[in-house]
Amino acid sequence: QRKNPFSSDDRLASKPAHTHRGDPAYGRPPEGSRTEQRGKDAHSHVGKEVEQLCLIIRRTGEVGEDGHVSVTFGQLFETYVTISNKVVGILLRARKHGLVHFEGEMLWQGKDDDVVITLL
């Protein structure tokens, strides 16, 4: 559309050229765009949920011999599900950031209720 002489849409002409892999802007929204702001807001919201999850683990868990607080997934699920229905997703994000540890790739309610989650 940028090359279309019959197009009068100025927004098309102002779009940046297509980026390629390796380019720092590749896969990112344009700076200052509403899309970029929504992404930042979502990242902040998830960060707050991870913090809240860690606080709940600290409150409901028990301190082990190694000094780390641990809780079973079943106990955490019952406590946290009243706050948010995204327990597993937030746990995975917390593990990605090195805040918690648990065995397995995914946790399932009922099946994995005895899996121990340790707050690092």
Protein backbone atom coordinates (compact mmCIF):
# COMPACT_ATOMS: atom_id res chain seq x y z
CA GLN A 1 0.00 0.00 0.00
CA ARG A 2 2.95 2.37 0.55
CA LYS A 3 3.70 2.26 -3.17
CA ASN A 4 0.08 2.55 -4.25
CA PRO A 5 -0.32 5.97 -5.92
CA PHE A 6 -4.09 5.84 -5.36
CA SER A 7 -3.81 5.40 -1.60
CA SER A 8 -4.37 8.57 0.40
CA ASP A 9 -3.86 6.95 3.79
CA ASP A 10 -1.00 8.83 5.49
CA ARG A 11 -0.66 6.17 8.20
CA LEU A 12 0.65 3.69 5.62
CA ALA A 13 3.37 6.04 4.44
CA SER A 14 4.61 6.64 7.98
CA LYS A 15 5.04 2.96 8.88
CA PRO A 16 8.64 1.81 9.32
CA ALA A 17 10.15 -0.56 6.79
CA HIS A 18 9.86 -4.30 7.42
CA THR A 19 12.43 -5.48 9.97
CA HIS A 20 14.47 -8.66 9.72
CA ARG A 21 15.81 -11.14 12.28
CA GLY A 22 18.73 -9.78 14.21
CA ASP A 23 17.36 -6.24 14.05
CA PRO A 24 16.69 -4.91 17.60
CA ALA A 25 13.20 -3.76 16.53
CA TYR A 26 12.29 -7.19 15.10
CA GLY A 27 9.11 -8.56 16.68
CA ARG A 28 8.49 -5.43 18.72
CA PRO A 29 5.76 -2.80 18.34
CA PRO A 30 6.78 0.69 17.21
CA GLU A 31 8.11 2.88 20.02
CA GLY A 32 5.50 5.12 21.57
CA SER A 33 2.59 3.16 20.08
CA ARG A 34 -0.50 2.12 22.00
CA THR A 35 0.47 -1.49 21.39
CA GLU A 36 3.80 -0.92 23.13
CA GLN A 37 2.01 0.70 26.08
CA ARG A 38 -0.46 -2.19 26.39
CA GLY A 39 2.48 -4.61 26.44
CA LYS A 40 4.20 -2.64 29.19
CA ASP A 41 0.98 -2.52 31.22
CA ALA A 42 0.46 -6.28 30.85
CA HIS A 43 4.07 -6.97 31.87
CA SER A 44 3.62 -4.82 34.97
CA HIS A 45 0.34 -6.55 35.87
CA VAL A 46 1.87 -10.03 35.57
CA GLY A 47 4.84 -8.91 37.67
CA LYS A 48 2.48 -7.83 40.44
CA GLU A 49 0.67 -11.18 40.29
CA VAL A 50 4.01 -13.03 40.59
CA GLU A 51 4.88 -10.92 43.65
CA GLN A 52 1.49 -11.68 45.18
CA LEU A 53 1.93 -15.40 44.53
CA CYS A 54 5.33 -15.36 46.26
CA LEU A 55 3.81 -13.59 49.28
CA ILE A 56 1.06 -16.21 49.50
CA ILE A 57 3.62 -19.04 49.31
CA ARG A 58 5.58 -17.34 52.11
CA ARG A 59 2.42 -16.98 54.24
CA THR A 60 0.93 -20.44 53.70
CA GLY A 61 4.10 -22.51 53.34
CA GLU A 62 6.43 -24.01 55.91
CA VAL A 63 10.12 -23.29 56.32
CA GLY A 64 12.21 -26.38 55.58
CA GLU A 65 15.59 -27.45 56.91
CA ASP A 66 17.30 -25.63 54.05
CA GLY A 67 15.64 -22.35 55.04
CA HIS A 68 13.37 -22.20 51.97
CA VAL A 69 9.60 -21.92 52.27
CA SER A 70 7.68 -24.76 50.59
CA VAL A 71 4.02 -25.49 49.95
CA THR A 72 2.20 -28.22 48.04
CA PHE A 73 0.48 -27.34 44.80
CA GLY A 74 -2.88 -28.48 46.18
CA GLN A 75 -2.63 -26.18 49.18
CA LEU A 76 -1.43 -23.26 47.04
CA PHE A 77 -4.17 -23.86 44.47
CA GLU A 78 -6.90 -23.81 47.11
CA THR A 79 -5.54 -20.57 48.58
CA TYR A 80 -4.66 -18.71 45.39
CA VAL A 81 -7.63 -19.70 43.20
CA THR A 82 -9.85 -17.34 45.21
CA ILE A 83 -7.55 -14.49 44.14
CA SER A 84 -6.86 -15.44 40.52
CA ASN A 85 -7.72 -18.29 38.17
CA LYS A 86 -4.26 -18.13 36.56
CA VAL A 87 -2.37 -20.05 39.27
CA VAL A 88 -0.44 -22.34 36.92
CA GLY A 89 0.46 -19.60 34.45
CA ILE A 90 1.76 -17.33 37.21
CA LEU A 91 3.72 -20.25 38.71
CA LEU A 92 5.36 -20.91 35.35
CA ARG A 93 6.28 -17.23 35.02
CA ALA A 94 7.71 -17.20 38.57
CA ARG A 95 9.80 -20.28 37.76
CA LYS A 96 11.04 -18.67 34.55
CA HIS A 97 12.33 -15.75 36.63
CA GLY A 98 13.97 -18.09 39.17
CA LEU A 99 11.64 -17.26 42.06
CA VAL A 100 10.16 -20.73 42.63
CA HIS A 101 11.10 -24.34 41.90
CA PHE A 102 8.93 -27.40 41.30
CA GLU A 103 9.31 -30.68 39.45
CA GLY A 104 7.63 -31.20 36.08
CA GLU A 105 6.73 -29.03 33.15
CA MET A 106 3.07 -28.37 33.99
CA LEU A 107 0.96 -28.77 37.12
CA TRP A 108 -2.56 -30.19 37.00
CA GLN A 109 -5.19 -29.79 39.70
CA GLY A 110 -5.88 -33.11 41.41
CA LYS A 111 -3.07 -35.04 39.74
CA ASP A 112 -0.23 -32.85 41.03
CA ASP A 113 -1.67 -31.74 44.37
CA ASP A 114 1.30 -33.29 46.25
CA VAL A 115 4.01 -31.59 44.16
CA VAL A 116 6.14 -29.36 46.38
CA ILE A 117 6.68 -25.76 45.29
CA THR A 118 9.70 -24.11 46.88
CA LEU A 119 10.14 -20.36 47.13
CA LEU A 120 13.69 -19.45 46.19
